[in-house]
């Protein structure tokens, strides 16, 4: 128990990017005492635990929860601007979210094995990505229709999605496996919906694409292509905009943005990629938006109206509560809601 509590205190401190001296000052103890807490040489008193809970913004049961997860390899692709302290904090945020999620599934005896439908398609050129996306869409039975809720789709396919809101603005997203079994995608929940959707699919590319011996820059290009092709397949791009053109109206771009949930800059890139617009027109587009603030605001406005969210975790909590797998106080803790609010939602 001492080692469990010790690790939890240390991880919570890392989560909040605090030093041992910061914690000591808040608790009214010495730095050496905080070190003892984290080494398992001493246990905080009840009053100190209450202060720790408030300081870290965590429920008291966090410090005594023995259910833990192991994150797979995480590649922070913006190392130059994302400090090690922030990386460590982010990992702890993800762990807390996933511990609750996977513990809940375990409590409900939910088990599955994720299958990567495109694992056998080796990616060495851009055309291979198009082939992989088509196969994935076919296997997932979504054809080439618009996908209105990417998060819901991913969770329906056994991929856990974690949205983080208290996170550095430089963080986009990441993908990894948990306990060598569960695929997970993490995304900055503060993003506009179009950027969030693209990021989710970019990270899905990192998760699923078979990229042997691929350098980082090339891997990013392949994953960007994967996201763009998934959101707005080339066949649909051509259908929506026709053959080669010299001009595209803003009204056409906005219409596709609203329908497919992809940003206007990404649509313009797809038009070039599909051979509808020339690279020179692409360059002209960026010059016009750069030097015209009004046009820039129009081009970068968020317009996709379908919310990107999943209620799966909340549904699992209420399911566990109704089956008496968990108490109402545990449900309150998992949902971060007061007990009365949980009671009102579970009357039937």
Protein backbone atom coordinates (compact mmCIF):
# COMPACT_ATOMS: atom_id res chain seq x y z
CA UNK A 1 0.00 0.00 0.00
CA UNK A 2 2.84 2.40 0.84
CA UNK A 3 4.43 1.98 -2.59
CA UNK A 4 1.06 2.43 -4.31
CA UNK A 5 0.32 5.67 -2.46
CA UNK A 6 3.89 6.88 -2.97
CA UNK A 7 3.69 6.38 -6.75
CA UNK A 8 0.29 8.05 -6.90
CA UNK A 9 1.54 11.16 -5.07
CA UNK A 10 4.58 11.42 -7.33
CA UNK A 11 2.51 10.91 -10.50
CA UNK A 12 -0.02 13.51 -9.39
CA UNK A 13 2.78 16.01 -8.81
CA UNK A 14 4.15 15.27 -12.31
CA UNK A 15 0.63 15.68 -13.68
CA UNK A 16 0.49 19.25 -12.36
CA UNK A 17 4.12 20.05 -13.32
CA UNK A 18 4.95 20.89 -9.69
CA UNK A 19 8.25 20.51 -7.85
CA UNK A 20 8.55 18.80 -4.48
CA UNK A 21 9.15 22.24 -2.98
CA UNK A 22 5.88 23.51 -4.51
CA UNK A 23 4.01 20.66 -2.85
CA UNK A 24 5.83 21.14 0.44
CA UNK A 25 4.87 24.82 0.53
CA UNK A 26 1.20 24.01 -0.03
CA UNK A 27 1.16 21.27 2.63
CA UNK A 28 3.17 23.19 5.18
CA UNK A 29 5.85 20.50 5.42
CA UNK A 30 9.48 20.23 4.38
CA UNK A 31 10.66 19.20 0.92
CA UNK A 32 12.29 16.21 2.61
CA UNK A 33 8.90 15.08 3.92
CA UNK A 34 7.40 15.22 0.41
CA UNK A 35 10.33 13.13 -0.78
CA UNK A 36 9.51 10.60 1.95
CA UNK A 37 5.88 10.51 0.79
CA UNK A 38 7.04 9.77 -2.76
CA UNK A 39 9.54 7.12 -1.67
CA UNK A 40 7.04 5.30 0.54
CA UNK A 41 8.97 6.15 3.72
CA UNK A 42 6.03 8.08 5.18
CA UNK A 43 2.25 8.28 4.66
CA UNK A 44 0.43 11.65 4.73
CA UNK A 45 -2.14 12.22 7.45
CA UNK A 46 -5.84 12.46 6.55
CA UNK A 47 -5.68 16.26 6.60
CA UNK A 48 -2.62 16.22 4.32
CA UNK A 49 -4.39 13.86 1.91
CA UNK A 50 -7.26 16.33 1.72
CA UNK A 51 -4.81 19.10 0.86
CA UNK A 52 -3.12 16.89 -1.74
CA UNK A 53 -6.49 16.08 -3.29
CA UNK A 54 -7.34 19.78 -3.55
CA UNK A 55 -3.87 20.75 -4.79
CA UNK A 56 -3.84 18.16 -7.56
CA UNK A 57 -7.54 18.46 -8.43
CA UNK A 58 -8.04 14.72 -7.94
CA UNK A 59 -10.58 12.67 -6.01
CA UNK A 60 -9.32 11.06 -2.81
CA UNK A 61 -9.75 7.54 -4.19
CA UNK A 62 -7.09 8.26 -6.83
CA UNK A 63 -4.34 7.82 -4.24
CA UNK A 64 -5.53 4.32 -3.29
CA UNK A 65 -6.59 2.97 -6.68
CA UNK A 66 -4.46 -0.07 -7.52
CA UNK A 67 -5.78 -0.43 -11.09
CA UNK A 68 -3.10 0.98 -13.40
CA UNK A 69 -2.35 0.96 -17.11
CA UNK A 70 0.85 0.88 -19.12
CA UNK A 71 1.14 3.24 -22.08
CA UNK A 72 2.87 1.99 -25.19
CA UNK A 73 5.45 4.00 -27.11
CA UNK A 74 4.50 7.65 -27.46
CA UNK A 75 6.23 9.75 -30.07
CA UNK A 76 5.93 13.47 -29.37
CA UNK A 77 6.54 14.83 -32.85
CA UNK A 78 6.98 18.45 -31.67
CA UNK A 79 9.90 17.80 -29.35
CA UNK A 80 11.47 21.20 -29.91
CA UNK A 81 8.46 23.07 -28.49
CA UNK A 82 6.99 20.54 -26.06
CA UNK A 83 9.12 20.27 -22.90
CA UNK A 84 9.85 16.99 -21.11
CA UNK A 85 7.91 18.25 -18.09
CA UNK A 86 4.84 18.88 -20.25
CA UNK A 87 5.24 15.51 -21.95
CA UNK A 88 5.33 13.76 -18.57
CA UNK A 89 2.28 15.71 -17.37
CA UNK A 90 0.38 14.77 -20.51
CA UNK A 91 1.18 11.09 -20.04
CA UNK A 92 -0.26 11.21 -16.51
CA UNK A 93 -3.45 12.88 -17.78
CA UNK A 94 -3.86 10.11 -20.33
CA UNK A 95 -3.19 7.39 -17.76
CA UNK A 96 -5.86 8.72 -15.40
CA UNK A 97 -8.46 8.85 -18.17
CA UNK A 98 -7.61 5.37 -19.39
CA UNK A 99 -7.41 3.79 -15.94
CA UNK A 100 -11.02 4.76 -15.34
CA UNK A 101 -12.11 3.70 -18.83
CA UNK A 102 -10.44 0.29 -18.86
CA UNK A 103 -11.29 -0.41 -15.21
CA UNK A 104 -14.94 0.24 -16.03
CA UNK A 105 -14.86 -2.13 -19.01
CA UNK A 106 -13.14 -4.73 -16.85
CA UNK A 107 -15.83 -4.32 -14.18
CA UNK A 108 -18.50 -4.93 -16.83
CA UNK A 109 -16.56 -7.92 -18.26
CA UNK A 110 -16.20 -6.18 -21.62
CA UNK A 111 -13.36 -7.66 -23.62
CA UNK A 112 -12.32 -7.50 -27.26
CA UNK A 113 -9.39 -7.89 -29.61
CA UNK A 114 -8.77 -5.03 -32.03
CA UNK A 115 -8.01 -6.05 -35.62
CA UNK A 116 -6.15 -3.69 -37.96
CA UNK A 117 -7.86 -4.23 -41.32
CA UNK A 118 -5.02 -2.62 -43.31
CA UNK A 119 -2.04 -4.11 -41.49
CA UNK A 120 -1.00 -6.11 -44.57
CA UNK A 121 -0.87 -3.11 -46.92
CA UNK A 122 2.74 -1.93 -46.90
CA UNK A 123 2.98 1.80 -47.49
CA UNK A 124 5.86 2.98 -49.65
CA UNK A 125 4.16 5.62 -51.85
CA UNK A 126 1.15 7.95 -51.71
CA UNK A 127 -0.97 5.68 -53.91
CA UNK A 128 -0.64 2.95 -51.28
CA UNK A 129 -2.34 5.25 -48.76
CA UNK A 130 -5.32 5.73 -51.09
CA UNK A 131 -5.59 1.94 -51.40
CA UNK A 132 -5.42 1.52 -47.63
CA UNK A 133 -8.13 4.13 -46.98
CA UNK A 134 -10.45 2.54 -49.53
CA UNK A 135 -10.00 -0.90 -47.96
CA UNK A 136 -10.54 0.47 -44.45
CA UNK A 137 -13.72 2.31 -45.45
CA UNK A 138 -14.95 -0.86 -47.18
CA UNK A 139 -14.17 -3.09 -44.19
CA UNK A 140 -15.84 -0.61 -41.85
CA UNK A 141 -18.86 -0.55 -44.18
CA UNK A 142 -18.99 3.23 -44.61
CA UNK A 143 -18.34 3.36 -48.36
CA UNK A 144 -17.42 6.87 -49.51
CA UNK A 145 -20.20 8.65 -47.64
CA UNK A 146 -19.47 11.63 -45.33
CA UNK A 147 -18.62 10.60 -41.76
CA UNK A 148 -20.50 12.86 -39.35
CA UNK A 149 -18.90 11.79 -36.07
CA UNK A 150 -15.32 10.52 -36.27
CA UNK A 151 -15.02 9.94 -32.53
CA UNK A 152 -18.16 7.81 -32.44
CA UNK A 153 -16.95 5.84 -35.48
CA UNK A 154 -13.56 5.13 -33.89
CA UNK A 155 -15.07 4.02 -30.59
CA UNK A 156 -17.55 1.79 -32.43
CA UNK A 157 -14.47 0.15 -33.99
CA UNK A 158 -12.90 -0.49 -30.55
CA UNK A 159 -10.49 2.46 -30.62
CA UNK A 160 -10.59 4.54 -27.46
CA UNK A 161 -10.63 8.31 -27.92
CA UNK A 162 -9.50 10.66 -25.17
CA UNK A 163 -10.13 14.40 -25.44
CA UNK A 164 -7.92 16.60 -23.26
CA UNK A 165 -8.90 20.19 -22.49
CA UNK A 166 -6.40 21.30 -19.85
CA UNK A 167 -3.49 20.90 -22.22
CA UNK A 168 -0.82 23.00 -23.88
CA UNK A 169 -2.06 24.65 -27.09
CA UNK A 170 0.97 23.22 -28.90
CA UNK A 171 -0.35 19.70 -28.37
CA UNK A 172 -2.30 18.31 -31.33
CA UNK A 173 -2.75 14.61 -30.68
CA UNK A 174 -1.08 11.23 -30.36
CA UNK A 175 -1.79 7.55 -30.82
CA UNK A 176 -0.56 4.53 -28.89
CA UNK A 177 -1.58 1.18 -27.44
CA UNK A 178 -2.39 0.57 -23.77
CA UNK A 179 -1.43 -2.65 -22.03
CA UNK A 180 -0.24 -3.87 -25.48
CA UNK A 181 -3.89 -4.39 -26.41
CA UNK A 182 -6.11 -1.31 -26.53
CA UNK A 183 -5.59 1.23 -29.36
CA UNK A 184 -5.94 4.79 -28.12
CA UNK A 185 -6.07 8.18 -29.83
CA UNK A 186 -5.68 11.36 -27.78
CA UNK A 187 -6.66 14.75 -29.18
CA UNK A 188 -6.72 18.36 -28.03
CA UNK A 189 -10.39 18.90 -27.22
CA UNK A 190 -10.09 22.68 -27.63
CA UNK A 191 -9.58 22.50 -31.39
CA UNK A 192 -12.21 23.70 -33.88
CA UNK A 193 -14.21 20.70 -35.03
CA UNK A 194 -12.62 20.47 -38.51
CA UNK A 195 -9.11 20.48 -37.07
CA UNK A 196 -10.11 17.94 -34.43
CA UNK A 197 -11.49 15.59 -37.10
CA UNK A 198 -8.35 15.87 -39.22
CA UNK A 199 -6.11 15.31 -36.20
CA UNK A 200 -8.08 12.23 -35.12
CA UNK A 201 -7.64 10.68 -38.55
CA UNK A 202 -4.00 11.75 -38.82
CA UNK A 203 -3.37 9.88 -35.56
CA UNK A 204 -5.40 6.94 -36.84
CA UNK A 205 -2.93 6.84 -39.71
CA UNK A 206 -0.04 6.58 -37.25
CA UNK A 207 -1.92 3.80 -35.48
CA UNK A 208 -2.87 1.68 -38.50
CA UNK A 209 -0.59 2.36 -41.46
CA UNK A 210 2.13 -0.18 -42.13
CA UNK A 211 5.14 2.14 -42.54
CA UNK A 212 8.34 0.04 -42.46
CA UNK A 213 11.58 1.99 -42.13
CA UNK A 214 9.81 5.28 -42.80
CA UNK A 215 11.51 8.52 -41.77
CA UNK A 216 9.50 10.93 -39.61
CA UNK A 217 8.90 13.58 -42.30
CA UNK A 218 7.63 11.00 -44.78
CA UNK A 219 5.47 9.34 -42.12
CA UNK A 220 3.81 12.69 -41.40
CA UNK A 221 3.09 13.17 -45.11
CA UNK A 222 1.54 9.71 -45.36
CA UNK A 223 -0.62 10.32 -42.26
CA UNK A 224 -1.78 13.72 -43.58
CA UNK A 225 -2.70 12.01 -46.85
CA UNK A 226 -4.55 9.30 -44.90
CA UNK A 227 -6.61 11.87 -42.98
CA UNK A 228 -7.45 13.94 -46.08
CA UNK A 229 -8.36 10.87 -48.15
CA UNK A 230 -10.53 9.47 -45.36
CA UNK A 231 -12.40 12.73 -44.81
CA UNK A 232 -12.80 13.66 -48.47
CA UNK A 233 -12.06 10.71 -50.83
CA UNK A 234 -10.66 11.64 -54.25
CA UNK A 235 -13.66 10.06 -56.00
CA UNK A 236 -15.96 12.45 -54.11
CA UNK A 237 -13.68 15.45 -54.66
CA UNK A 238 -13.95 14.93 -58.42
CA UNK A 239 -17.70 14.34 -58.18
CA UNK A 240 -18.21 17.56 -56.17
CA UNK A 241 -15.95 19.85 -58.23
CA UNK A 242 -15.73 18.22 -61.66
CA UNK A 243 -12.61 18.16 -63.85
CA UNK A 244 -9.70 20.58 -64.12
CA UNK A 245 -10.66 24.17 -63.27
CA UNK A 246 -9.06 27.61 -63.12
CA UNK A 247 -11.33 29.06 -60.44
CA UNK A 248 -13.29 27.79 -57.41
CA UNK A 249 -15.81 29.96 -55.57
CA UNK A 250 -15.78 30.36 -51.78
CA UNK A 251 -19.43 29.26 -51.74
CA UNK A 252 -18.44 25.87 -53.23
CA UNK A 253 -15.70 25.43 -50.65
CA UNK A 254 -18.03 26.31 -47.76
CA UNK A 255 -20.64 23.85 -49.04
CA UNK A 256 -18.09 20.99 -49.01
CA UNK A 257 -16.76 22.09 -45.63
CA UNK A 258 -20.23 21.85 -44.10
CA UNK A 259 -20.91 18.50 -45.73
CA UNK A 260 -17.64 16.67 -45.09
CA UNK A 261 -16.29 18.38 -41.97
CA UNK A 262 -12.94 19.27 -43.49
CA UNK A 263 -11.36 22.74 -43.39
CA UNK A 264 -11.27 24.95 -46.48
CA UNK A 265 -7.42 24.97 -46.67
CA UNK A 266 -7.51 21.16 -46.60
CA UNK A 267 -10.18 21.11 -49.32
CA UNK A 268 -8.05 23.36 -51.53
CA UNK A 269 -5.11 21.01 -51.00
CA UNK A 270 -7.34 18.07 -51.99
CA UNK A 271 -8.30 19.93 -55.18
CA UNK A 272 -4.63 20.26 -56.11
CA UNK A 273 -3.92 16.66 -55.07
CA UNK A 274 -6.80 15.47 -57.27
CA UNK A 275 -5.58 17.45 -60.29
CA UNK A 276 -8.52 19.88 -60.31
CA UNK A 277 -6.48 22.97 -59.41
CA UNK A 278 -2.88 23.70 -60.36
CA UNK A 279 -0.13 24.16 -57.79
CA UNK A 280 0.10 27.79 -58.90
CA UNK A 281 -3.56 28.31 -57.99
CA UNK A 282 -2.79 26.75 -54.61
CA UNK A 283 0.02 29.27 -54.09
CA UNK A 284 -2.22 32.13 -55.21
CA UNK A 285 -4.89 31.04 -52.72
CA UNK A 286 -2.49 31.27 -49.79
CA UNK A 287 -1.14 34.63 -50.90
CA UNK A 288 -4.66 36.06 -51.12
CA UNK A 289 -5.67 34.81 -47.67
CA UNK A 290 -2.40 35.91 -46.07
CA UNK A 291 -2.78 39.52 -47.19
CA UNK A 292 -6.55 39.80 -46.79
CA UNK A 293 -7.57 39.50 -43.10
CA UNK A 294 -11.28 39.46 -43.92
CA UNK A 295 -10.86 36.62 -46.42
CA UNK A 296 -8.55 34.81 -44.02
CA UNK A 297 -11.26 34.83 -41.32
CA UNK A 298 -13.81 33.51 -43.82
CA UNK A 299 -11.50 30.76 -45.02
CA UNK A 300 -10.54 29.60 -41.52
CA UNK A 301 -13.99 29.83 -39.91
CA UNK A 302 -15.40 26.62 -38.40
CA UNK A 303 -18.74 25.63 -39.94
CA UNK A 304 -19.24 21.88 -39.48
CA UNK A 305 -22.28 21.58 -37.25
CA UNK A 306 -22.24 17.94 -36.13
CA UNK A 307 -20.58 17.72 -32.70
CA UNK A 308 -17.52 15.50 -32.41
CA UNK A 309 -18.15 13.55 -29.24
CA UNK A 310 -18.87 10.14 -27.81
CA UNK A 311 -21.04 9.32 -24.81
CA UNK A 312 -19.69 5.79 -24.49
CA UNK A 313 -17.82 6.30 -21.21
CA UNK A 314 -20.83 7.98 -19.59
CA UNK A 315 -23.09 5.20 -20.84
CA UNK A 316 -20.78 2.57 -19.36
CA UNK A 317 -20.82 4.36 -15.99
CA UNK A 318 -24.61 4.40 -15.85
CA UNK A 319 -24.74 0.79 -17.03
CA UNK A 320 -22.38 -0.27 -14.25
CA UNK A 321 -24.43 1.75 -11.76
CA UNK A 322 -27.76 0.22 -12.86
CA UNK A 323 -26.25 -3.28 -12.64
CA UNK A 324 -24.91 -2.44 -9.17
CA UNK A 325 -21.32 -3.03 -10.27
CA UNK A 326 -20.40 0.35 -8.79
CA UNK A 327 -21.81 2.62 -6.09
CA UNK A 328 -23.41 5.97 -6.78
CA UNK A 329 -20.46 7.71 -5.13
CA UNK A 330 -18.08 5.88 -7.50
CA UNK A 331 -20.24 6.90 -10.46
CA UNK A 332 -20.13 10.47 -9.20
CA UNK A 333 -16.35 10.31 -9.03
CA UNK A 334 -15.98 8.78 -12.52
CA UNK A 335 -18.30 11.32 -14.13
CA UNK A 336 -16.99 14.24 -12.07
CA UNK A 337 -20.59 15.13 -11.19
CA UNK A 338 -22.24 15.63 -7.82
CA UNK A 339 -24.24 12.72 -6.42
CA UNK A 340 -27.60 14.47 -6.78
CA UNK A 341 -27.00 15.02 -10.49
CA UNK A 342 -26.11 11.35 -10.96
CA UNK A 343 -29.23 10.30 -9.05
CA UNK A 344 -31.44 12.43 -11.31
CA UNK A 345 -29.99 10.74 -14.38
CA UNK A 346 -30.53 7.22 -13.05
CA UNK A 347 -34.12 7.29 -11.82
CA UNK A 348 -35.59 4.71 -14.21
